[in-house]
Amino acid sequence: MSADDIFYWSNWVLVFALVLGLLATYAIVVSGISRDKALKRELAEQKTRTAEAELALAKLKAPRLLNEKQMQTLVSRMKEFAGQNIAVGAIPFTYEAASLADQIVRALKAAGVNAEFNQGAAGVQVGAVNGIVARATTGNEKGAKFATSFAQAMNDAGIKATAREGLLESIMGKLIEQGRHRNDPANQWVVIVVGDKI
């Protein structure tokens, strides 16, 4: 092999190496751009998840309170129960729960309901709850209707509430034996408890 042949082949090897180097550089640039796009997309998704988590945390920390429109809606929806006796309490008694319980009492009174803030009834008849519970006497149609309507109105306002029966069950059997039926107006009493926020 002559010096010209070696020079000829070494030039081709050099050209091949340059082309290979260019291809490798191109591949590195393309993969870097692709990786950069993936990282930016992942960062944007993480920012979205963070914003959603911060919003959820803010909602969790925010006190449950009814705004003026929600108060008026509750008043209008509960007017059909004017004259009915309702006890409202907050268990546990925190500023947030008591403030909402006070709003509920004011709205019910504005609807003509005989509502009173009664911690004793709330503690004895219902006890500690999560969310809001409206408890009526089992089988009392008017009490159950009030509890259901109230819970639905609160849920529509974005505040978790449930209706339950079982109020006064410990003495209901004796009252029935004495001739008082479950739908007796004296059994229409409902106890509402505002508990921990869920």
Foldseek 3Di string as FASTA:
>chain_A
DDPVVVVVVVVVVVVVVVVVVVVVVVVVVVVVVVVVVVVVVVVVVVVVVVVVVVVVVCVQPDFDAFDPVLLVLLLVLLLVQAAAEEEEEEVVDDPRQVRRSVSNQVSNVSSNHNYDHDHVCCCVFPRADEFKEKEAAPPAVLLQVNRCSNQVSCVVSVTHYDYYYDGPVVCVVVVVVVPDDCNPSVRSYIYMYGHHYD
